[in-house]
Amino acid sequence: MNNKSFISELSQRLGYIQEDTQKMVNTVIDVMNDVFQKGDVVVIPKFGTFEVRKRLERIVVNPGTKQRMLVPPKLVLNFKPTPAVKEKLKNGGKDNG
């Protein structure tokens, strides 16, 4: 699903025009970015948890040349879905009840 179809579906479900829905989605994303910049966690009930984690420095080997390279540490965004979301995905998108 691309952004246009997502905004269209969301605006229909919420009863807002697409421009207002796009503004709301952009605001949510901006706020989440601000929270991530501070190093805080975003928890969305019934969906999951987003957090910034530090990936440690590591050594990797290029399989073609066998050359070892050092990959520097970096920050990555991690998402952990709630158990209900995990279960629904495992069951092919169907609820368990």
PDB file of N, CA and C in Angstrom:
ATOM      1  N   MET A   1       0.854  -1.172   0.000  1.00  0.00           N
ATOM      2  CA  MET A   1       0.000   0.000   0.000  1.00  0.00           C
ATOM      3  C   MET A   1       0.899   1.234   0.000  1.00  0.00           C
ATOM      4  N   ASN A   2       0.664   2.125  -0.932  1.00  0.00           N
ATOM      5  CA  ASN A   2       1.464   3.342  -0.976  1.00  0.00           C
ATOM      6  C   ASN A   2       0.788   4.444  -0.147  1.00  0.00           C
ATOM      7  N   ASN A   3       1.453   5.586  -0.046  1.00  0.00           N
ATOM      8  CA  ASN A   3       0.963   6.679   0.791  1.00  0.00           C
ATOM      9  C   ASN A   3      -0.416   7.164   0.344  1.00  0.00           C
ATOM     10  N   LYS A   4      -0.606   7.305  -0.969  1.00  0.00           N
ATOM     11  CA  LYS A   4      -1.878   7.829  -1.484  1.00  0.00           C
ATOM     12  C   LYS A   4      -3.048   6.923  -1.118  1.00  0.00           C
ATOM     13  N   SER A   5      -2.885   5.621  -1.316  1.00  0.00           N
ATOM     14  CA  SER A   5      -3.974   4.694  -0.993  1.00  0.00           C
ATOM     15  C   SER A   5      -4.181   4.586   0.518  1.00  0.00           C
ATOM     16  N   PHE A   6      -3.091   4.681   1.292  1.00  0.00           N
ATOM     17  CA  PHE A   6      -3.205   4.651   2.750  1.00  0.00           C
ATOM     18  C   PHE A   6      -4.010   5.855   3.247  1.00  0.00           C
ATOM     19  N   ILE A   7      -3.676   7.034   2.765  1.00  0.00           N
ATOM     20  CA  ILE A   7      -4.383   8.254   3.171  1.00  0.00           C
ATOM     21  C   ILE A   7      -5.846   8.182   2.733  1.00  0.00           C
ATOM     22  N   SER A   8      -6.098   7.670   1.549  1.00  0.00           N
ATOM     23  CA  SER A   8      -7.467   7.538   1.052  1.00  0.00           C
ATOM     24  C   SER A   8      -8.289   6.617   1.955  1.00  0.00           C
ATOM     25  N   GLU A   9      -7.750   5.462   2.269  1.00  0.00           N
ATOM     26  CA  GLU A   9      -8.445   4.504   3.145  1.00  0.00           C
ATOM     27  C   GLU A   9      -8.666   5.090   4.536  1.00  0.00           C
ATOM     28  N   LEU A  10      -7.642   5.720   5.082  1.00  0.00           N
ATOM     29  CA  LEU A  10      -7.742   6.308   6.423  1.00  0.00           C
ATOM     30  C   LEU A  10      -8.769   7.434   6.455  1.00  0.00           C
ATOM     31  N   SER A  11      -8.789   8.276   5.437  1.00  0.00           N
ATOM     32  CA  SER A  11      -9.739   9.389   5.409  1.00  0.00           C
ATOM     33  C   SER A  11     -11.177   8.878   5.309  1.00  0.00           C
ATOM     34  N   GLN A  12     -11.386   7.801   4.547  1.00  0.00           N
ATOM     35  CA  GLN A  12     -12.726   7.220   4.461  1.00  0.00           C
ATOM     36  C   GLN A  12     -13.169   6.655   5.806  1.00  0.00           C
ATOM     37  N   ARG A  13     -12.273   5.963   6.491  1.00  0.00           N
ATOM     38  CA  ARG A  13     -12.627   5.370   7.778  1.00  0.00           C
ATOM     39  C   ARG A  13     -12.873   6.425   8.858  1.00  0.00           C
ATOM     40  N   LEU A  14     -12.112   7.522   8.809  1.00  0.00           N
ATOM     41  CA  LEU A  14     -12.234   8.554   9.836  1.00  0.00           C
ATOM     42  C   LEU A  14     -13.282   9.609   9.507  1.00  0.00           C
ATOM     43  N   GLY A  15     -13.638   9.728   8.240  1.00  0.00           N
ATOM     44  CA  GLY A  15     -14.618  10.723   7.845  1.00  0.00           C
ATOM     45  C   GLY A  15     -14.043  12.118   7.657  1.00  0.00           C
ATOM     46  N   TYR A  16     -12.750  12.201   7.415  1.00  0.00           N
ATOM     47  CA  TYR A  16     -12.084  13.481   7.154  1.00  0.00           C
ATOM     48  C   TYR A  16     -11.760  13.577   5.672  1.00  0.00           C
ATOM     49  N   ILE A  17     -11.495  14.798   5.196  1.00  0.00           N
ATOM     50  CA  ILE A  17     -11.022  14.937   3.824  1.00  0.00           C
ATOM     51  C   ILE A  17      -9.560  14.496   3.774  1.00  0.00           C
ATOM     52  N   GLN A  18      -9.095  14.145   2.586  1.00  0.00           N
ATOM     53  CA  GLN A  18      -7.746  13.588   2.446  1.00  0.00           C
ATOM     54  C   GLN A  18      -6.659  14.572   2.875  1.00  0.00           C
ATOM     55  N   GLU A  19      -6.854  15.863   2.622  1.00  0.00           N
ATOM     56  CA  GLU A  19      -5.841  16.852   3.008  1.00  0.00           C
ATOM     57  C   GLU A  19      -5.662  16.891   4.521  1.00  0.00           C
ATOM     58  N   ASP A  20      -6.785  16.858   5.269  1.00  0.00           N
ATOM     59  CA  ASP A  20      -6.704  16.866   6.733  1.00  0.00           C
ATOM     60  C   ASP A  20      -6.088  15.576   7.257  1.00  0.00           C
ATOM     61  N   THR A  21      -6.433  14.466   6.623  1.00  0.00           N
ATOM     62  CA  THR A  21      -5.869  13.182   7.031  1.00  0.00           C
ATOM     63  C   THR A  21      -4.363  13.163   6.798  1.00  0.00           C
ATOM     64  N   GLN A  22      -3.919  13.691   5.658  1.00  0.00           N
ATOM     65  CA  GLN A  22      -2.479  13.749   5.369  1.00  0.00           C
ATOM     66  C   GLN A  22      -1.757  14.606   6.411  1.00  0.00           C
ATOM     67  N   LYS A  23      -2.359  15.734   6.805  1.00  0.00           N
ATOM     68  CA  LYS A  23      -1.764  16.597   7.836  1.00  0.00           C
ATOM     69  C   LYS A  23      -1.645  15.852   9.162  1.00  0.00           C
ATOM     70  N   MET A  24      -2.693  15.083   9.523  1.00  0.00           N
ATOM     71  CA  MET A  24      -2.652  14.325  10.780  1.00  0.00           C
ATOM     72  C   MET A  24      -1.546  13.275  10.754  1.00  0.00           C
ATOM     73  N   VAL A  25      -1.443  12.549   9.651  1.00  0.00           N
ATOM     74  CA  VAL A  25      -0.415  11.511   9.534  1.00  0.00           C
ATOM     75  C   VAL A  25       0.979  12.146   9.584  1.00  0.00           C
ATOM     76  N   ASN A  26       1.168  13.256   8.883  1.00  0.00           N
ATOM     77  CA  ASN A  26       2.463  13.941   8.907  1.00  0.00           C
ATOM     78  C   ASN A  26       2.803  14.426  10.312  1.00  0.00           C
ATOM     79  N   THR A  27       1.804  14.911  11.043  1.00  0.00           N
ATOM     80  CA  THR A  27       2.034  15.369  12.411  1.00  0.00           C
ATOM     81  C   THR A  27       2.448  14.213  13.311  1.00  0.00           C
ATOM     82  N   VAL A  28       1.775  13.079  13.175  1.00  0.00           N
ATOM     83  CA  VAL A  28       2.135  11.901  13.977  1.00  0.00           C
ATOM     84  C   VAL A  28       3.575  11.488  13.685  1.00  0.00           C
ATOM     85  N   ILE A  29       3.943  11.473  12.416  1.00  0.00           N
ATOM     86  CA  ILE A  29       5.306  11.080  12.036  1.00  0.00           C
ATOM     87  C   ILE A  29       6.324  12.090  12.563  1.00  0.00           C
ATOM     88  N   ASP A  30       6.021  13.379  12.484  1.00  0.00           N
ATOM     89  CA  ASP A  30       6.932  14.405  13.000  1.00  0.00           C
ATOM     90  C   ASP A  30       7.135  14.254  14.502  1.00  0.00           C
ATOM     91  N   VAL A  31       6.054  14.008  15.235  1.00  0.00           N
ATOM     92  CA  VAL A  31       6.157  13.833  16.686  1.00  0.00           C
ATOM     93  C   VAL A  31       6.980  12.587  17.012  1.00  0.00           C
ATOM     94  N   MET A  32       6.738  11.498  16.278  1.00  0.00           N
ATOM     95  CA  MET A  32       7.513  10.274  16.509  1.00  0.00           C
ATOM     96  C   MET A  32       8.998  10.525  16.240  1.00  0.00           C
ATOM     97  N   ASN A  33       9.317  11.253  15.173  1.00  0.00           N
ATOM     98  CA  ASN A  33      10.715  11.578  14.881  1.00  0.00           C
ATOM     99  C   ASN A  33      11.343  12.376  16.014  1.00  0.00           C
ATOM    100  N   ASP A  34      10.600  13.331  16.563  1.00  0.00           N
ATOM    101  CA  ASP A  34      11.113  14.116  17.687  1.00  0.00           C
ATOM    102  C   ASP A  34      11.398  13.225  18.894  1.00  0.00           C
ATOM    103  N   VAL A  35      10.493  12.290  19.153  1.00  0.00           N
ATOM    104  CA  VAL A  35      10.676  11.372  20.279  1.00  0.00           C
ATOM    105  C   VAL A  35      11.902  10.493  20.048  1.00  0.00           C
ATOM    106  N   PHE A  36      12.076   9.998  18.830  1.00  0.00           N
ATOM    107  CA  PHE A  36      13.233   9.152  18.527  1.00  0.00           C
ATOM    108  C   PHE A  36      14.538   9.931  18.671  1.00  0.00           C
ATOM    109  N   GLN A  37      14.540  11.204  18.284  1.00  0.00           N
ATOM    110  CA  GLN A  37      15.739  12.040  18.414  1.00  0.00           C
ATOM    111  C   GLN A  37      16.160  12.159  19.877  1.00  0.00           C
ATOM    112  N   LYS A  38      15.187  12.149  20.778  1.00  0.00           N
ATOM    113  CA  LYS A  38      15.479  12.222  22.216  1.00  0.00           C
ATOM    114  C   LYS A  38      15.907  10.870  22.778  1.00  0.00           C
ATOM    115  N   GLY A  39      15.728   9.817  21.994  1.00  0.00           N
ATOM    116  CA  GLY A  39      16.091   8.480  22.463  1.00  0.00           C
ATOM    117  C   GLY A  39      14.976   7.797  23.234  1.00  0.00           C
ATOM    118  N   ASP A  40      13.775   8.352  23.182  1.00  0.00           N
ATOM    119  CA  ASP A  40      12.649   7.768  23.900  1.00  0.00           C
ATOM    120  C   ASP A  40      11.952   6.706  23.056  1.00  0.00           C
ATOM    121  N   VAL A  41      11.043   5.981  23.702  1.00  0.00           N
ATOM    122  CA  VAL A  41      10.309   4.887  23.083  1.00  0.00           C
ATOM    123  C   VAL A  41       8.883   5.352  22.778  1.00  0.00           C
ATOM    124  N   VAL A  42       8.330   4.894  21.647  1.00  0.00           N
ATOM    125  CA  VAL A  42       6.939   5.177  21.299  1.00  0.00           C
ATOM    126  C   VAL A  42       6.173   3.861  21.390  1.00  0.00           C
ATOM    127  N   VAL A  43       5.168   3.835  22.284  1.00  0.00           N
ATOM    128  CA  VAL A  43       4.334   2.654  22.456  1.00  0.00           C
ATOM    129  C   VAL A  43       2.944   2.975  21.925  1.00  0.00           C
ATOM    130  N   ILE A  44       2.473   2.174  20.971  1.00  0.00           N
ATOM    131  CA  ILE A  44       1.132   2.337  20.431  1.00  0.00           C
ATOM    132  C   ILE A  44       0.324   1.123  20.892  1.00  0.00           C
ATOM    133  N   PRO A  45      -0.616   1.344  21.824  1.00  0.00           N
ATOM    134  CA  PRO A  45      -1.399   0.213  22.343  1.00  0.00           C
ATOM    135  C   PRO A  45      -2.089  -0.552  21.215  1.00  0.00           C
ATOM    136  N   LYS A  46      -2.175  -1.851  21.365  1.00  0.00           N
ATOM    137  CA  LYS A  46      -2.790  -2.774  20.405  1.00  0.00           C
ATOM    138  C   LYS A  46      -2.025  -2.852  19.090  1.00  0.00           C
ATOM    139  N   PHE A  47      -0.814  -2.265  19.024  1.00  0.00           N
ATOM    140  CA  PHE A  47      -0.017  -2.329  17.799  1.00  0.00           C
ATOM    141  C   PHE A  47       1.414  -2.760  18.086  1.00  0.00           C
ATOM    142  N   GLY A  48       2.161  -1.948  18.851  1.00  0.00           N
ATOM    143  CA  GLY A  48       3.532  -2.326  19.141  1.00  0.00           C
ATOM    144  C   GLY A  48       4.361  -1.185  19.681  1.00  0.00           C
ATOM    145  N   THR A  49       5.665  -1.442  19.787  1.00  0.00           N
ATOM    146  CA  THR A  49       6.611  -0.504  20.373  1.00  0.00           C
ATOM    147  C   THR A  49       7.718  -0.195  19.374  1.00  0.00           C
ATOM    148  N   PHE A  50       7.983   1.095  19.206  1.00  0.00           N
ATOM    149  CA  PHE A  50       9.090   1.561  18.374  1.00  0.00           C
ATOM    150  C   PHE A  50      10.165   2.109  19.299  1.00  0.00           C
ATOM    151  N   GLU A  51      11.414   1.723  19.059  1.00  0.00           N
ATOM    152  CA  GLU A  51      12.503   2.282  19.848  1.00  0.00           C
ATOM    153  C   GLU A  51      13.784   2.345  19.023  1.00  0.00           C
ATOM    154  N   VAL A  52      14.628   3.299  19.392  1.00  0.00           N
ATOM    155  CA  VAL A  52      15.923   3.455  18.744  1.00  0.00           C
ATOM    156  C   VAL A  52      16.927   2.629  19.537  1.00  0.00           C
ATOM    157  N   ARG A  53      17.638   1.767  18.835  1.00  0.00           N
ATOM    158  CA  ARG A  53      18.659   0.935  19.476  1.00  0.00           C
ATOM    159  C   ARG A  53      20.002   1.208  18.818  1.00  0.00           C
ATOM    160  N   LYS A  54      21.045   1.002  19.601  1.00  0.00           N
ATOM    161  CA  LYS A  54      22.393   1.165  19.069  1.00  0.00           C
ATOM    162  C   LYS A  54      22.903  -0.196  18.612  1.00  0.00           C
ATOM    163  N   ARG A  55      23.252  -0.287  17.342  1.00  0.00           N
ATOM    164  CA  ARG A  55      23.859  -1.502  16.812  1.00  0.00           C
ATOM    165  C   ARG A  55      25.363  -1.371  17.026  1.00  0.00           C
ATOM    166  N   LEU A  56      25.948  -2.349  17.672  1.00  0.00           N
ATOM    167  CA  LEU A  56      27.356  -2.288  18.033  1.00  0.00           C
ATOM    168  C   LEU A  56      28.272  -2.432  16.823  1.00  0.00           C
ATOM    169  N   GLU A  57      29.498  -1.976  17.007  1.00  0.00           N
ATOM    170  CA  GLU A  57      30.533  -2.130  15.987  1.00  0.00           C
ATOM    171  C   GLU A  57      30.788  -3.622  15.782  1.00  0.00           C
ATOM    172  N   ARG A  58      31.009  -4.020  14.525  1.00  0.00           N
ATOM    173  CA  ARG A  58      31.241  -5.436  14.265  1.00  0.00           C
ATOM    174  C   ARG A  58      32.148  -5.610  13.046  1.00  0.00           C
ATOM    175  N   ILE A  59      32.687  -6.805  12.936  1.00  0.00           N
ATOM    176  CA  ILE A  59      33.555  -7.141  11.809  1.00  0.00           C
ATOM    177  C   ILE A  59      32.766  -8.049  10.874  1.00  0.00           C
ATOM    178  N   VAL A  60      32.780  -7.718   9.585  1.00  0.00           N
ATOM    179  CA  VAL A  60      32.123  -8.547   8.576  1.00  0.00           C
ATOM    180  C   VAL A  60      33.165  -8.985   7.558  1.00  0.00           C
ATOM    181  N   VAL A  61      32.867 -10.067   6.863  1.00  0.00           N
ATOM    182  CA  VAL A  61      33.785 -10.596   5.857  1.00  0.00           C
ATOM    183  C   VAL A  61      33.088 -10.554   4.503  1.00  0.00           C
ATOM    184  N   ASN A  62      33.755  -9.935   3.522  1.00  0.00           N
ATOM    185  CA  ASN A  62      33.250  -9.926   2.154  1.00  0.00           C
ATOM    186  C   ASN A  62      33.460 -11.329   1.594  1.00  0.00           C
ATOM    187  N   PRO A  63      32.381 -12.046   1.246  1.00  0.00           N
ATOM    188  CA  PRO A  63      32.547 -13.440   0.794  1.00  0.00           C
ATOM    189  C   PRO A  63      33.314 -13.572  -0.519  1.00  0.00           C
ATOM    190  N   GLY A  64      33.294 -12.550  -1.353  1.00  0.00           N
ATOM    191  CA  GLY A  64      33.998 -12.630  -2.633  1.00  0.00           C
ATOM    192  C   GLY A  64      35.491 -12.470  -2.479  1.00  0.00           C
ATOM    193  N   THR A  65      35.924 -11.511  -1.662  1.00  0.00           N
ATOM    194  CA  THR A  65      37.354 -11.220  -1.521  1.00  0.00           C
ATOM    195  C   THR A  65      37.950 -11.758  -0.230  1.00  0.00           C
ATOM    196  N   LYS A  66      37.107 -12.228   0.669  1.00  0.00           N
ATOM    197  CA  LYS A  66      37.523 -12.699   2.007  1.00  0.00           C
ATOM    198  C   LYS A  66      38.141 -11.576   2.838  1.00  0.00           C
ATOM    199  N   GLN A  67      37.908 -10.341   2.406  1.00  0.00           N
ATOM    200  CA  GLN A  67      38.460  -9.195   3.134  1.00  0.00           C
ATOM    201  C   GLN A  67      37.577  -8.891   4.332  1.00  0.00           C
ATOM    202  N   ARG A  68      38.223  -8.666   5.475  1.00  0.00           N
ATOM    203  CA  ARG A  68      37.500  -8.317   6.700  1.00  0.00           C
ATOM    204  C   ARG A  68      37.343  -6.804   6.761  1.00  0.00           C
ATOM    205  N   MET A  69      36.137  -6.372   7.141  1.00  0.00           N
ATOM    206  CA  MET A  69      35.861  -4.934   7.241  1.00  0.00           C
ATOM    207  C   MET A  69      35.211  -4.642   8.581  1.00  0.00           C
ATOM    208  N   LEU A  70      35.508  -3.477   9.100  1.00  0.00           N
ATOM    209  CA  LEU A  70      34.919  -3.035  10.354  1.00  0.00           C
ATOM    210  C   LEU A  70      33.702  -2.165  10.040  1.00  0.00           C
ATOM    211  N   VAL A  71      32.538  -2.569  10.552  1.00  0.00           N
ATOM    212  CA  VAL A  71      31.317  -1.788  10.377  1.00  0.00           C
ATOM    213  C   VAL A  71      31.132  -0.955  11.649  1.00  0.00           C
ATOM    214  N   PRO A  72      31.074   0.369  11.510  1.00  0.00           N
ATOM    215  CA  PRO A  72      30.967   1.217  12.699  1.00  0.00           C
ATOM    216  C   PRO A  72      29.607   1.080  13.383  1.00  0.00           C
ATOM    217  N   PRO A  73      29.531   1.461  14.657  1.00  0.00           N
ATOM    218  CA  PRO A  73      28.237   1.410  15.348  1.00  0.00           C
ATOM    219  C   PRO A  73      27.269   2.410  14.730  1.00  0.00           C
ATOM    220  N   LYS A  74      25.974   2.101  14.836  1.00  0.00           N
ATOM    221  CA  LYS A  74      24.969   3.027  14.315  1.00  0.00           C
ATOM    222  C   LYS A  74      23.665   2.844  15.071  1.00  0.00           C
ATOM    223  N   LEU A  75      22.787   3.828  14.925  1.00  0.00           N
ATOM    224  CA  LEU A  75      21.472   3.764  15.543  1.00  0.00           C
ATOM    225  C   LEU A  75      20.475   3.217  14.523  1.00  0.00           C
ATOM    226  N   VAL A  76      19.623   2.298  14.967  1.00  0.00           N
ATOM    227  CA  VAL A  76      18.607   1.714  14.105  1.00  0.00           C
ATOM    228  C   VAL A  76      17.255   1.781  14.804  1.00  0.00           C
ATOM    229  N   LEU A  77      16.191   1.878  14.017  1.00  0.00           N
ATOM    230  CA  LEU A  77      14.845   1.893  14.558  1.00  0.00           C
ATOM    231  C   LEU A  77      14.343   0.462  14.635  1.00  0.00           C
ATOM    232  N   ASN A  78      13.859   0.075  15.809  1.00  0.00           N
ATOM    233  CA  ASN A  78      13.377  -1.279  16.029  1.00  0.00           C
ATOM    234  C   ASN A  78      11.883  -1.238  16.332  1.00  0.00           C
ATOM    235  N   PHE A  79      11.137  -2.210  15.819  1.00  0.00           N
ATOM    236  CA  PHE A  79       9.706  -2.330  16.087  1.00  0.00           C
ATOM    237  C   PHE A  79       9.424  -3.696  16.661  1.00  0.00           C
ATOM    238  N   LYS A  80       8.680  -3.713  17.766  1.00  0.00           N
ATOM    239  CA  LYS A  80       8.263  -4.978  18.364  1.00  0.00           C
ATOM    240  C   LYS A  80       6.739  -4.973  18.429  1.00  0.00           C
ATOM    241  N   PRO A  81       6.092  -5.829  17.635  1.00  0.00           N
ATOM    242  CA  PRO A  81       4.631  -5.862  17.646  1.00  0.00           C
ATOM    243  C   PRO A  81       4.095  -6.478  18.934  1.00  0.00           C
ATOM    244  N   THR A  82       2.844  -6.140  19.262  1.00  0.00           N
ATOM    245  CA  THR A  82       2.205  -6.745  20.428  1.00  0.00           C
ATOM    246  C   THR A  82       1.940  -8.219  20.132  1.00  0.00           C
ATOM    247  N   PRO A  83       1.766  -9.026  21.172  1.00  0.00           N
ATOM    248  CA  PRO A  83       1.456 -10.443  20.932  1.00  0.00           C
ATOM    249  C   PRO A  83       0.204 -10.644  20.072  1.00  0.00           C
ATOM    250  N   ALA A  84      -0.808  -9.780  20.213  1.00  0.00           N
ATOM    251  CA  ALA A  84      -2.027  -9.912  19.410  1.00  0.00           C
ATOM    252  C   ALA A  84      -1.729  -9.693  17.929  1.00  0.00           C
ATOM    253  N   VAL A  85      -0.897  -8.712  17.617  1.00  0.00           N
ATOM    254  CA  VAL A  85      -0.536  -8.448  16.223  1.00  0.00           C
ATOM    255  C   VAL A  85       0.286  -9.613  15.670  1.00  0.00           C
ATOM    256  N   LYS A  86       1.222 -10.124  16.465  1.00  0.00           N
ATOM    257  CA  LYS A  86       2.029 -11.267  16.037  1.00  0.00           C
ATOM    258  C   LYS A  86       1.144 -12.469  15.722  1.00  0.00           C
ATOM    259  N   GLU A  87       0.190 -12.730  16.600  1.00  0.00           N
ATOM    260  CA  GLU A  87      -0.700 -13.871  16.421  1.00  0.00           C
ATOM    261  C   GLU A  87      -1.558 -13.705  15.169  1.00  0.00           C
ATOM    262  N   LYS A  88      -2.048 -12.505  14.958  1.00  0.00           N
ATOM    263  CA  LYS A  88      -2.880 -12.246  13.775  1.00  0.00           C
ATOM    264  C   LYS A  88      -2.071 -12.452  12.499  1.00  0.00           C
ATOM    265  N   LEU A  89      -0.815 -11.993  12.471  1.00  0.00           N
ATOM    266  CA  LEU A  89       0.040 -12.180  11.302  1.00  0.00           C
ATOM    267  C   LEU A  89       0.349 -13.673  11.085  1.00  0.00           C
ATOM    268  N   LYS A  90       0.572 -14.381  12.184  1.00  0.00           N
ATOM    269  CA  LYS A  90       0.877 -15.801  12.092  1.00  0.00           C
ATOM    270  C   LYS A  90      -0.302 -16.578  11.513  1.00  0.00           C
ATOM    271  N   ASN A  91      -1.518 -16.111  11.807  1.00  0.00           N
ATOM    272  CA  ASN A  91      -2.723 -16.786  11.331  1.00  0.00           C
ATOM    273  C   ASN A  91      -3.197 -16.251   9.979  1.00  0.00           C
ATOM    274  N   GLY A  92      -2.333 -15.580   9.259  1.00  0.00           N
ATOM    275  CA  GLY A  92      -2.685 -15.088   7.932  1.00  0.00           C
ATOM    276  C   GLY A  92      -3.614 -13.892   7.940  1.00  0.00           C
ATOM    277  N   GLY A  93      -3.580 -13.092   9.007  1.00  0.00           N
ATOM    278  CA  GLY A  93      -4.395 -11.890   9.089  1.00  0.00           C
ATOM    279  C   GLY A  93      -5.770 -12.102   9.674  1.00  0.00           C
ATOM    280  N   LYS A  94      -6.062 -13.322  10.127  1.00  0.00           N
ATOM    281  CA  LYS A  94      -7.376 -13.605  10.711  1.00  0.00           C
ATOM    282  C   LYS A  94      -7.288 -13.568  12.225  1.00  0.00           C
ATOM    283  N   ASP A  95      -8.338 -12.996  12.853  1.00  0.00           N
ATOM    284  CA  ASP A  95      -8.399 -12.981  14.313  1.00  0.00           C
ATOM    285  C   ASP A  95      -8.580 -14.394  14.841  1.00  0.00           C
ATOM    286  N   ASN A  96      -8.209 -14.559  16.085  1.00  0.00           N
ATOM    287  CA  ASN A  96      -8.251 -15.881  16.702  1.00  0.00           C
ATOM    288  C   ASN A  96      -9.533 -16.075  17.516  1.00  0.00           C
ATOM    289  N   GLY A  97     -10.631 -15.443  17.138  1.00  0.00           N
ATOM    290  CA  GLY A  97     -11.788 -15.589  17.998  1.00  0.00           C
ATOM    291  C   GLY A  97     -13.064 -15.564  17.373  1.00  0.00           C
TER     292      GLY A  97
END
